[in-house]
Amino acid sequence: MSTFEHLALMKNINSELGPFRKSQSSAMQGFAQLATAAMAPGAIDAKTKELIALAIGVSTHCSGCIAFHTKALVKLGCTAAELEETLAVAVYMGGGPSLMYAAEALKAFEVQSEASNTA
């Protein structure tokens, strides 16, 4: 079972990056524009793009990526089956270390789903 507190992790990341966003506003605006353009629905829908982003986060062992992308997936109506299939591909491509982060992603999705249901 994952020991990460994904809601707190997202809050901490946002808080810690606050000064950086101010001091490097042009770069951060560029990053935000890149994210908006990359994640906009097109030939691939937004949910599929978020699933891809989550798989990359799992395979690169990024807890923050897992937290933010599972939150987006919950908002987009991702099902547990869609999440699990995506994680299976991430584990296939990333091996044992990705399996450890897949467990984290499953827990993050559960926590984000519960938080969404109580909001």
N, C-alpha and C. Protein backbone atom coordinates (compact mmCIF):
# COMPACT_ATOMS: atom_id res chain seq x y z
N MET A 1 0.84 -1.18 0.00
CA MET A 1 0.00 0.00 0.00
C MET A 1 0.88 1.24 0.00
N SER A 2 0.47 2.22 -0.75
CA SER A 2 1.23 3.46 -0.85
C SER A 2 1.17 4.23 0.46
N THR A 3 2.28 4.83 0.81
CA THR A 3 2.32 5.65 2.02
C THR A 3 2.26 7.14 1.69
N PHE A 4 2.13 7.47 0.41
CA PHE A 4 2.07 8.87 0.02
C PHE A 4 0.71 9.47 0.36
N GLU A 5 0.72 10.71 0.75
CA GLU A 5 -0.49 11.49 0.98
C GLU A 5 -0.62 12.43 -0.22
N HIS A 6 -1.32 11.98 -1.25
CA HIS A 6 -1.33 12.69 -2.52
C HIS A 6 -1.99 14.06 -2.45
N LEU A 7 -3.02 14.21 -1.66
CA LEU A 7 -3.66 15.52 -1.54
C LEU A 7 -2.70 16.52 -0.90
N ALA A 8 -2.02 16.09 0.15
CA ALA A 8 -1.03 16.95 0.81
C ALA A 8 0.16 17.20 -0.11
N LEU A 9 0.56 16.20 -0.87
CA LEU A 9 1.67 16.35 -1.80
C LEU A 9 1.37 17.44 -2.82
N MET A 10 0.17 17.42 -3.39
CA MET A 10 -0.20 18.45 -4.37
C MET A 10 -0.21 19.83 -3.73
N LYS A 11 -0.74 19.93 -2.53
CA LYS A 11 -0.77 21.21 -1.82
C LYS A 11 0.66 21.70 -1.57
N ASN A 12 1.54 20.82 -1.14
CA ASN A 12 2.92 21.20 -0.87
C ASN A 12 3.64 21.63 -2.15
N ILE A 13 3.45 20.89 -3.22
CA ILE A 13 4.08 21.25 -4.49
C ILE A 13 3.61 22.63 -4.93
N ASN A 14 2.31 22.86 -4.89
CA ASN A 14 1.78 24.18 -5.28
C ASN A 14 2.34 25.29 -4.41
N SER A 15 2.44 25.02 -3.11
CA SER A 15 2.98 26.02 -2.18
C SER A 15 4.46 26.28 -2.44
N GLU A 16 5.23 25.22 -2.60
CA GLU A 16 6.67 25.36 -2.81
C GLU A 16 7.00 26.02 -4.14
N LEU A 17 6.16 25.81 -5.15
CA LEU A 17 6.43 26.41 -6.45
C LEU A 17 5.93 27.85 -6.57
N GLY A 18 5.19 28.33 -5.58
CA GLY A 18 4.66 29.69 -5.63
C GLY A 18 5.72 30.74 -5.91
N PRO A 19 6.79 30.80 -5.11
CA PRO A 19 7.83 31.79 -5.37
C PRO A 19 8.51 31.60 -6.74
N PHE A 20 8.68 30.35 -7.15
CA PHE A 20 9.29 30.07 -8.45
C PHE A 20 8.40 30.56 -9.58
N ARG A 21 7.10 30.37 -9.43
CA ARG A 21 6.16 30.87 -10.44
C ARG A 21 6.28 32.38 -10.60
N LYS A 22 6.54 33.08 -9.48
CA LYS A 22 6.67 34.54 -9.53
C LYS A 22 8.02 34.95 -10.12
N SER A 23 9.09 34.31 -9.67
CA SER A 23 10.42 34.72 -10.13
C SER A 23 10.70 34.30 -11.56
N GLN A 24 10.02 33.25 -12.01
CA GLN A 24 10.21 32.73 -13.37
C GLN A 24 8.88 32.71 -14.12
N SER A 25 8.19 33.85 -14.04
CA SER A 25 6.82 33.89 -14.58
C SER A 25 6.77 33.61 -16.07
N SER A 26 7.71 34.10 -16.84
CA SER A 26 7.68 33.85 -18.29
C SER A 26 7.83 32.36 -18.59
N ALA A 27 8.77 31.72 -17.93
CA ALA A 27 8.98 30.29 -18.15
C ALA A 27 7.76 29.49 -17.71
N MET A 28 7.19 29.86 -16.57
CA MET A 28 6.03 29.12 -16.06
C MET A 28 4.81 29.36 -16.95
N GLN A 29 4.66 30.55 -17.50
CA GLN A 29 3.56 30.80 -18.43
C GLN A 29 3.75 29.98 -19.70
N GLY A 30 4.99 29.85 -20.13
CA GLY A 30 5.28 29.01 -21.29
C GLY A 30 4.96 27.55 -21.02
N PHE A 31 5.31 27.10 -19.83
CA PHE A 31 5.00 25.71 -19.45
C PHE A 31 3.49 25.50 -19.41
N ALA A 32 2.77 26.46 -18.85
CA ALA A 32 1.30 26.36 -18.78
C ALA A 32 0.69 26.34 -20.18
N GLN A 33 1.23 27.15 -21.09
CA GLN A 33 0.73 27.15 -22.47
C GLN A 33 1.01 25.81 -23.15
N LEU A 34 2.20 25.26 -22.90
CA LEU A 34 2.54 23.95 -23.46
C LEU A 34 1.58 22.89 -22.93
N ALA A 35 1.34 22.90 -21.64
CA ALA A 35 0.43 21.93 -21.04
C ALA A 35 -0.98 22.06 -21.63
N THR A 36 -1.46 23.28 -21.75
CA THR A 36 -2.80 23.51 -22.29
C THR A 36 -2.90 23.00 -23.73
N ALA A 37 -1.89 23.32 -24.53
CA ALA A 37 -1.90 22.88 -25.93
C ALA A 37 -1.79 21.36 -26.04
N ALA A 38 -0.89 20.77 -25.27
CA ALA A 38 -0.68 19.32 -25.35
C ALA A 38 -1.89 18.54 -24.87
N MET A 39 -2.59 19.05 -23.88
CA MET A 39 -3.69 18.30 -23.27
C MET A 39 -5.05 18.63 -23.88
N ALA A 40 -5.10 19.58 -24.80
CA ALA A 40 -6.37 19.93 -25.44
C ALA A 40 -6.89 18.76 -26.27
N PRO A 41 -8.19 18.52 -26.21
CA PRO A 41 -8.75 17.45 -27.04
C PRO A 41 -8.48 17.71 -28.52
N GLY A 42 -8.18 16.68 -29.23
CA GLY A 42 -7.95 16.75 -30.67
C GLY A 42 -8.23 15.38 -31.23
N ALA A 43 -7.30 14.82 -31.97
CA ALA A 43 -7.45 13.46 -32.47
C ALA A 43 -7.51 12.47 -31.30
N ILE A 44 -6.87 12.83 -30.19
CA ILE A 44 -6.91 12.03 -28.96
C ILE A 44 -7.68 12.84 -27.92
N ASP A 45 -8.64 12.23 -27.27
CA ASP A 45 -9.45 12.94 -26.29
C ASP A 45 -8.65 13.24 -25.01
N ALA A 46 -9.18 14.16 -24.21
CA ALA A 46 -8.49 14.64 -23.00
C ALA A 46 -8.22 13.51 -22.01
N LYS A 47 -9.17 12.60 -21.84
CA LYS A 47 -8.97 11.51 -20.87
C LYS A 47 -7.83 10.60 -21.31
N THR A 48 -7.77 10.29 -22.59
CA THR A 48 -6.68 9.43 -23.08
C THR A 48 -5.34 10.13 -22.89
N LYS A 49 -5.30 11.43 -23.12
CA LYS A 49 -4.06 12.17 -22.91
C LYS A 49 -3.65 12.14 -21.44
N GLU A 50 -4.60 12.26 -20.54
CA GLU A 50 -4.29 12.18 -19.11
C GLU A 50 -3.80 10.77 -18.73
N LEU A 51 -4.40 9.76 -19.34
CA LEU A 51 -3.93 8.39 -19.08
C LEU A 51 -2.49 8.21 -19.55
N ILE A 52 -2.16 8.78 -20.70
CA ILE A 52 -0.78 8.73 -21.21
C ILE A 52 0.14 9.45 -20.23
N ALA A 53 -0.26 10.64 -19.78
CA ALA A 53 0.55 11.41 -18.84
C ALA A 53 0.77 10.63 -17.55
N LEU A 54 -0.28 9.97 -17.06
CA LEU A 54 -0.13 9.16 -15.85
C LEU A 54 0.85 8.02 -16.09
N ALA A 55 0.74 7.34 -17.21
CA ALA A 55 1.65 6.24 -17.51
C ALA A 55 3.10 6.72 -17.54
N ILE A 56 3.32 7.89 -18.10
CA ILE A 56 4.67 8.45 -18.12
C ILE A 56 5.12 8.78 -16.69
N GLY A 57 4.23 9.35 -15.90
CA GLY A 57 4.55 9.63 -14.50
C GLY A 57 4.92 8.37 -13.73
N VAL A 58 4.18 7.30 -13.96
CA VAL A 58 4.48 6.01 -13.31
C VAL A 58 5.83 5.49 -13.78
N SER A 59 6.07 5.53 -15.08
CA SER A 59 7.31 4.95 -15.60
C SER A 59 8.54 5.79 -15.26
N THR A 60 8.34 7.08 -14.97
CA THR A 60 9.46 7.93 -14.58
C THR A 60 9.53 8.13 -13.06
N HIS A 61 8.62 7.46 -12.35
CA HIS A 61 8.63 7.43 -10.88
C HIS A 61 8.41 8.82 -10.27
N CYS A 62 7.41 9.52 -10.78
CA CYS A 62 7.11 10.88 -10.34
C CYS A 62 5.82 10.91 -9.52
N SER A 63 5.96 10.99 -8.21
CA SER A 63 4.80 11.01 -7.32
C SER A 63 3.91 12.22 -7.55
N GLY A 64 4.51 13.38 -7.80
CA GLY A 64 3.71 14.57 -8.07
C GLY A 64 2.89 14.42 -9.33
N CYS A 65 3.50 13.85 -10.37
CA CYS A 65 2.77 13.59 -11.63
C CYS A 65 1.58 12.66 -11.37
N ILE A 66 1.83 11.62 -10.59
CA ILE A 66 0.76 10.68 -10.26
C ILE A 66 -0.38 11.40 -9.56
N ALA A 67 -0.06 12.25 -8.61
CA ALA A 67 -1.09 12.96 -7.85
C ALA A 67 -1.92 13.86 -8.76
N PHE A 68 -1.26 14.70 -9.54
CA PHE A 68 -1.99 15.66 -10.37
C PHE A 68 -2.76 14.99 -11.50
N HIS A 69 -2.19 13.95 -12.11
CA HIS A 69 -2.89 13.32 -13.23
C HIS A 69 -4.02 12.40 -12.77
N THR A 70 -3.91 11.78 -11.59
CA THR A 70 -5.06 11.02 -11.10
C THR A 70 -6.21 11.96 -10.75
N LYS A 71 -5.88 13.14 -10.22
CA LYS A 71 -6.93 14.12 -9.93
C LYS A 71 -7.65 14.51 -11.22
N ALA A 72 -6.89 14.78 -12.27
CA ALA A 72 -7.50 15.13 -13.56
C ALA A 72 -8.33 13.99 -14.10
N LEU A 73 -7.85 12.76 -13.94
CA LEU A 73 -8.58 11.60 -14.45
C LEU A 73 -9.91 11.40 -13.73
N VAL A 74 -9.92 11.63 -12.44
CA VAL A 74 -11.18 11.53 -11.69
C VAL A 74 -12.17 12.55 -12.24
N LYS A 75 -11.71 13.79 -12.46
CA LYS A 75 -12.59 14.84 -13.00
C LYS A 75 -13.10 14.48 -14.39
N LEU A 76 -12.31 13.75 -15.16
CA LEU A 76 -12.70 13.37 -16.52
C LEU A 76 -13.54 12.08 -16.57
N GLY A 77 -13.84 11.51 -15.41
CA GLY A 77 -14.70 10.33 -15.37
C GLY A 77 -13.99 9.03 -15.70
N CYS A 78 -12.70 8.98 -15.48
CA CYS A 78 -11.95 7.74 -15.73
C CYS A 78 -12.49 6.62 -14.85
N THR A 79 -12.57 5.44 -15.42
CA THR A 79 -13.01 4.28 -14.65
C THR A 79 -11.80 3.54 -14.09
N ALA A 80 -12.04 2.73 -13.09
CA ALA A 80 -10.96 1.91 -12.53
C ALA A 80 -10.38 0.99 -13.59
N ALA A 81 -11.23 0.46 -14.46
CA ALA A 81 -10.75 -0.45 -15.52
C ALA A 81 -9.82 0.27 -16.49
N GLU A 82 -10.16 1.51 -16.86
CA GLU A 82 -9.29 2.29 -17.75
C GLU A 82 -7.95 2.57 -17.08
N LEU A 83 -8.01 2.94 -15.82
CA LEU A 83 -6.79 3.21 -15.06
C LEU A 83 -5.92 1.96 -14.98
N GLU A 84 -6.52 0.84 -14.64
CA GLU A 84 -5.76 -0.40 -14.48
C GLU A 84 -5.13 -0.86 -15.79
N GLU A 85 -5.83 -0.73 -16.90
CA GLU A 85 -5.23 -1.11 -18.19
C GLU A 85 -4.05 -0.21 -18.52
N THR A 86 -4.18 1.07 -18.25
CA THR A 86 -3.09 2.00 -18.49
C THR A 86 -1.89 1.64 -17.62
N LEU A 87 -2.14 1.32 -16.36
CA LEU A 87 -1.05 0.96 -15.46
C LEU A 87 -0.38 -0.35 -15.89
N ALA A 88 -1.16 -1.27 -16.45
CA ALA A 88 -0.57 -2.52 -16.94
C ALA A 88 0.43 -2.23 -18.06
N VAL A 89 0.10 -1.30 -18.95
CA VAL A 89 1.02 -0.93 -20.03
C VAL A 89 2.26 -0.25 -19.44
N ALA A 90 2.06 0.64 -18.46
CA ALA A 90 3.19 1.32 -17.83
C ALA A 90 4.13 0.31 -17.17
N VAL A 91 3.57 -0.69 -16.52
CA VAL A 91 4.39 -1.72 -15.87
C VAL A 91 5.11 -2.56 -16.92
N TYR A 92 4.41 -2.90 -18.00
CA TYR A 92 5.03 -3.64 -19.09
C TYR A 92 6.26 -2.90 -19.61
N MET A 93 6.12 -1.60 -19.79
CA MET A 93 7.21 -0.81 -20.35
C MET A 93 8.28 -0.46 -19.32
N GLY A 94 7.91 -0.40 -18.05
CA GLY A 94 8.85 0.07 -17.02
C GLY A 94 9.32 -0.96 -16.02
N GLY A 95 8.74 -2.17 -16.07
CA GLY A 95 9.18 -3.23 -15.18
C GLY A 95 8.81 -3.04 -13.72
N GLY A 96 9.58 -3.71 -12.87
CA GLY A 96 9.31 -3.73 -11.43
C GLY A 96 9.21 -2.37 -10.78
N PRO A 97 10.13 -1.43 -11.07
CA PRO A 97 10.00 -0.12 -10.45
C PRO A 97 8.67 0.57 -10.80
N SER A 98 8.22 0.40 -12.02
CA SER A 98 6.93 0.99 -12.40
C SER A 98 5.78 0.30 -11.68
N LEU A 99 5.93 -0.97 -11.38
CA LEU A 99 4.90 -1.68 -10.62
C LEU A 99 4.73 -1.05 -9.24
N MET A 100 5.82 -0.63 -8.62
CA MET A 100 5.73 0.01 -7.31
C MET A 100 4.97 1.33 -7.41
N TYR A 101 5.20 2.08 -8.47
CA TYR A 101 4.51 3.35 -8.66
C TYR A 101 3.08 3.14 -9.16
N ALA A 102 2.81 2.02 -9.80
CA ALA A 102 1.43 1.69 -10.18
C ALA A 102 0.58 1.53 -8.92
N ALA A 103 1.16 0.90 -7.89
CA ALA A 103 0.44 0.77 -6.62
C ALA A 103 0.13 2.15 -6.05
N GLU A 104 1.07 3.05 -6.16
CA GLU A 104 0.86 4.42 -5.70
C GLU A 104 -0.25 5.09 -6.50
N ALA A 105 -0.26 4.88 -7.81
CA ALA A 105 -1.29 5.48 -8.66
C ALA A 105 -2.68 4.94 -8.32
N LEU A 106 -2.77 3.65 -8.04
CA LEU A 106 -4.05 3.07 -7.65
C LEU A 106 -4.57 3.71 -6.37
N LYS A 107 -3.69 3.91 -5.40
CA LYS A 107 -4.10 4.54 -4.15
C LYS A 107 -4.46 6.00 -4.38
N ALA A 108 -3.68 6.70 -5.18
CA ALA A 108 -3.97 8.11 -5.46
C ALA A 108 -5.33 8.26 -6.12
N PHE A 109 -5.64 7.37 -7.07
CA PHE A 109 -6.94 7.40 -7.75
C PHE A 109 -8.06 7.17 -6.73
N GLU A 110 -7.86 6.24 -5.83
CA GLU A 110 -8.86 5.96 -4.80
C GLU A 110 -9.08 7.19 -3.92
N VAL A 111 -8.00 7.80 -3.47
CA VAL A 111 -8.09 8.97 -2.61
C VAL A 111 -8.74 10.14 -3.35
N GLN A 112 -8.33 10.36 -4.60
CA GLN A 112 -8.91 11.46 -5.38
C GLN A 112 -10.40 11.22 -5.63
N SER A 113 -10.77 9.98 -5.89
CA SER A 113 -12.19 9.64 -6.11
C SER A 113 -13.00 9.91 -4.86
N GLU A 114 -12.47 9.49 -3.72
CA GLU A 114 -13.17 9.73 -2.45
C GLU A 114 -13.31 11.23 -2.17
N ALA A 115 -12.24 11.98 -2.42
CA ALA A 115 -12.28 13.42 -2.20
C ALA A 115 -13.29 14.08 -3.14
N SER A 116 -13.37 13.60 -4.35
CA SER A 116 -14.31 14.15 -5.33
C SER A 116 -15.75 13.87 -4.92
N ASN A 117 -15.98 12.70 -4.34
CA ASN A 117 -17.33 12.32 -3.93
C ASN A 117 -17.81 13.09 -2.71
N THR A 118 -16.88 13.58 -1.89
CA THR A 118 -17.28 14.32 -0.68
C THR A 118 -17.28 15.83 -0.91
N ALA A 119 -16.80 16.26 -2.07
CA ALA A 119 -16.74 17.72 -2.35
C ALA A 119 -18.08 18.25 -2.81
